[in-house]
């Protein structure tokens, strides 16, 4: 008997809840886990209206529509032997993701590079990890993964030829994003 009373009340409650219109005036807040954050807990909370078109996450710079990709920055740099993105690299990649969102027909090839020290195999693997870090960050910013391809050149295509000067070697520890026109495919 109890079951016969509970079921109609439960069905009526569920049907009323399903008919509630969405509140468009609600400001959304969502916890976001940024795997590249240097904060102790790795978390960040965005507090803003994510429903408003054109709203950007804090710290993002705006790339004007029609701007050349180079304005976003094509290269990010890494510390020696690392594939972890720093704050400056993340800012550059955020601009790249914004440009790619504005130019949905374009794809991207991310080239991972390494400096001279180390074996060929080690530097190819390090270049691959750096390219993958960039790809994952761009995907986390909303770029479809199918639009991004990675390639590692290791130490085979240095930006600068140097023996052991630290500032020279640092220029070779990089990932370069090259945009691919729509007709070329990725």
Protein backbone atom coordinates (compact mmCIF):
# COMPACT_ATOMS: atom_id res chain seq x y z
CA UNK A 1 0.00 0.00 0.00
CA UNK A 2 2.82 2.40 0.83
CA UNK A 3 4.39 1.71 -2.55
CA UNK A 4 1.17 2.68 -4.31
CA UNK A 5 1.23 6.06 -2.54
CA UNK A 6 4.93 6.77 -2.99
CA UNK A 7 5.17 6.01 -6.70
CA UNK A 8 2.59 8.60 -7.90
CA UNK A 9 4.11 11.29 -5.63
CA UNK A 10 7.61 10.46 -6.90
CA UNK A 11 6.46 10.52 -10.54
CA UNK A 12 4.75 13.91 -10.05
CA UNK A 13 7.86 15.35 -8.37
CA UNK A 14 10.15 14.15 -11.15
CA UNK A 15 7.90 15.49 -13.90
CA UNK A 16 7.74 18.94 -12.22
CA UNK A 17 11.52 19.01 -11.85
CA UNK A 18 11.96 18.18 -15.53
CA UNK A 19 9.72 21.11 -16.54
CA UNK A 20 11.70 23.77 -14.65
CA UNK A 21 13.07 26.26 -17.20
CA UNK A 22 16.81 27.02 -17.08
CA UNK A 23 17.82 30.23 -15.35
CA UNK A 24 19.81 32.17 -17.95
CA UNK A 25 20.77 34.81 -15.41
CA UNK A 26 22.76 32.41 -13.24
CA UNK A 27 26.46 33.09 -13.10
CA UNK A 28 28.25 29.80 -13.44
CA UNK A 29 31.15 28.82 -11.27
CA UNK A 30 33.06 25.69 -11.92
CA UNK A 31 36.12 24.16 -10.40
CA UNK A 32 38.72 23.53 -13.05
CA UNK A 33 41.70 21.25 -12.66
CA UNK A 34 44.62 22.61 -14.63
CA UNK A 35 47.25 19.87 -15.01
CA UNK A 36 49.85 22.49 -15.85
CA UNK A 37 49.16 24.70 -12.84
CA UNK A 38 52.05 25.35 -10.52
CA UNK A 39 49.71 25.91 -7.55
CA UNK A 40 50.09 23.50 -4.64
CA UNK A 41 46.75 21.75 -5.24
CA UNK A 42 46.87 22.18 -9.03
CA UNK A 43 43.37 23.58 -9.02
CA UNK A 44 41.82 26.80 -10.15
CA UNK A 45 38.30 28.15 -9.94
CA UNK A 46 36.90 30.33 -12.66
CA UNK A 47 34.38 32.82 -11.28
CA UNK A 48 32.61 34.53 -14.10
CA UNK A 49 29.77 34.25 -16.52
CA UNK A 50 30.79 31.41 -18.81
CA UNK A 51 27.49 31.76 -20.68
CA UNK A 52 28.37 35.15 -22.20
CA UNK A 53 29.89 34.83 -25.69
CA UNK A 54 33.43 36.11 -25.89
CA UNK A 55 34.13 35.73 -22.17
CA UNK A 56 37.68 34.58 -21.59
CA UNK A 57 39.37 32.95 -18.66
CA UNK A 58 41.34 35.34 -16.46
CA UNK A 59 44.79 36.12 -17.76
CA UNK A 60 43.97 35.39 -21.36
CA UNK A 61 44.85 38.00 -23.92
CA UNK A 62 42.57 38.66 -26.80
CA UNK A 63 43.57 37.86 -30.34
CA UNK A 64 41.64 40.01 -32.76
CA UNK A 65 39.87 38.13 -35.55
CA UNK A 66 41.85 38.23 -38.77
CA UNK A 67 45.17 38.50 -36.94
CA UNK A 68 48.10 36.51 -38.28
CA UNK A 69 48.95 33.37 -36.26
CA UNK A 70 52.42 34.74 -35.51
CA UNK A 71 50.81 37.41 -33.31
CA UNK A 72 49.77 34.64 -30.91
CA UNK A 73 53.36 33.42 -30.67
CA UNK A 74 54.52 30.30 -32.44
CA UNK A 75 57.20 29.02 -30.05
CA UNK A 76 57.26 27.97 -26.40
CA UNK A 77 60.42 27.14 -24.46
CA UNK A 78 61.23 24.52 -21.84
CA UNK A 79 63.78 24.05 -19.09
CA UNK A 80 66.64 21.64 -19.69
CA UNK A 81 65.45 18.03 -19.90
CA UNK A 82 61.84 19.06 -19.13
CA UNK A 83 58.53 18.94 -20.97
CA UNK A 84 56.58 20.95 -18.36
CA UNK A 85 54.89 24.13 -19.56
CA UNK A 86 55.73 27.30 -17.68
CA UNK A 87 53.47 30.33 -17.16
CA UNK A 88 54.76 32.14 -20.23
CA UNK A 89 54.32 29.04 -22.41
CA UNK A 90 50.74 28.56 -21.18
CA UNK A 91 49.92 32.20 -21.98
CA UNK A 92 51.29 31.75 -25.51
CA UNK A 93 49.36 28.51 -25.99
CA UNK A 94 46.16 30.13 -24.73
CA UNK A 95 46.53 32.73 -27.48
CA UNK A 96 47.24 29.96 -30.00
CA UNK A 97 44.09 28.11 -28.93
CA UNK A 98 42.09 31.30 -29.29
CA UNK A 99 43.45 31.84 -32.80
CA UNK A 100 42.66 28.23 -33.75
CA UNK A 101 39.12 28.67 -32.39
CA UNK A 102 38.66 31.75 -34.57
CA UNK A 103 40.07 29.93 -37.62
CA UNK A 104 38.35 26.56 -37.35
CA UNK A 105 39.41 25.43 -40.83
CA UNK A 106 43.10 25.45 -39.95
CA UNK A 107 45.02 22.57 -38.42
CA UNK A 108 48.32 22.64 -36.52
CA UNK A 109 51.54 20.68 -36.47
CA UNK A 110 53.46 20.90 -33.20
CA UNK A 111 57.20 20.35 -33.64
CA UNK A 112 59.11 19.25 -30.55
CA UNK A 113 62.82 20.10 -30.34
CA UNK A 114 65.70 19.53 -27.93
CA UNK A 115 69.15 20.99 -27.35
CA UNK A 116 72.44 19.32 -28.25
CA UNK A 117 73.43 17.40 -25.07
CA UNK A 118 72.15 13.83 -24.86
CA UNK A 119 71.80 10.95 -27.27
CA UNK A 120 69.76 11.16 -30.45
CA UNK A 121 67.16 8.76 -29.04
CA UNK A 122 66.84 10.68 -25.76
CA UNK A 123 66.33 13.97 -27.57
CA UNK A 124 63.77 12.50 -29.97
CA UNK A 125 61.77 11.22 -26.99
CA UNK A 126 62.12 14.57 -25.20
CA UNK A 127 60.96 16.44 -28.32
CA UNK A 128 57.96 14.10 -28.53
CA UNK A 129 57.06 14.77 -24.88
CA UNK A 130 57.32 18.52 -25.44
CA UNK A 131 55.11 18.38 -28.54
CA UNK A 132 52.60 16.23 -26.66
CA UNK A 133 52.53 18.72 -23.75
CA UNK A 134 51.65 21.49 -26.19
CA UNK A 135 49.03 19.34 -27.93
CA UNK A 136 47.39 18.37 -24.63
CA UNK A 137 47.29 21.98 -23.49
CA UNK A 138 45.70 23.14 -26.75
CA UNK A 139 43.12 20.35 -26.47
CA UNK A 140 42.41 21.38 -22.86
CA UNK A 141 41.67 24.87 -24.22
CA UNK A 142 39.05 23.53 -26.64
CA UNK A 143 40.97 22.78 -29.84
CA UNK A 144 39.82 19.48 -31.34
CA UNK A 145 42.56 16.86 -31.07
CA UNK A 146 42.00 15.77 -34.69
CA UNK A 147 43.22 19.19 -35.80
CA UNK A 148 46.62 18.81 -34.14
CA UNK A 149 49.49 16.55 -35.21
CA UNK A 150 52.83 16.24 -33.42
CA UNK A 151 56.31 15.50 -34.71
CA UNK A 152 59.64 15.31 -32.89
CA UNK A 153 62.87 16.50 -34.43
CA UNK A 154 64.97 16.00 -31.30
CA UNK A 155 68.21 17.89 -31.78
CA UNK A 156 68.19 17.51 -35.59
CA UNK A 157 66.79 21.01 -36.40
CA UNK A 158 68.32 23.46 -33.93
CA UNK A 159 67.25 27.10 -33.87
CA UNK A 160 70.85 28.01 -33.05
CA UNK A 161 74.14 26.17 -33.47
CA UNK A 162 76.05 26.26 -30.22
CA UNK A 163 78.59 24.19 -28.34
CA UNK A 164 77.77 24.71 -24.69
CA UNK A 165 76.67 28.32 -24.11
CA UNK A 166 73.61 28.10 -21.85
CA UNK A 167 71.61 30.93 -23.43
CA UNK A 168 72.24 29.48 -26.88
CA UNK A 169 71.20 25.97 -25.84
CA UNK A 170 68.00 27.33 -24.26
CA UNK A 171 66.77 28.55 -27.67
CA UNK A 172 66.76 24.94 -28.90
CA UNK A 173 64.60 23.60 -26.05
CA UNK A 174 61.31 24.44 -27.70
CA UNK A 175 58.07 23.44 -29.34
CA UNK A 176 56.97 25.29 -32.47
CA UNK A 177 53.36 25.34 -33.64
CA UNK A 178 52.92 25.59 -37.39
CA UNK A 179 49.42 26.21 -38.74
CA UNK A 180 48.26 24.23 -41.73
CA UNK A 181 45.82 25.75 -44.24
CA UNK A 182 42.46 24.00 -44.62
CA UNK A 183 43.26 22.44 -48.00
CA UNK A 184 46.52 20.89 -46.75
CA UNK A 185 44.96 18.74 -44.00
CA UNK A 186 46.73 17.78 -40.80
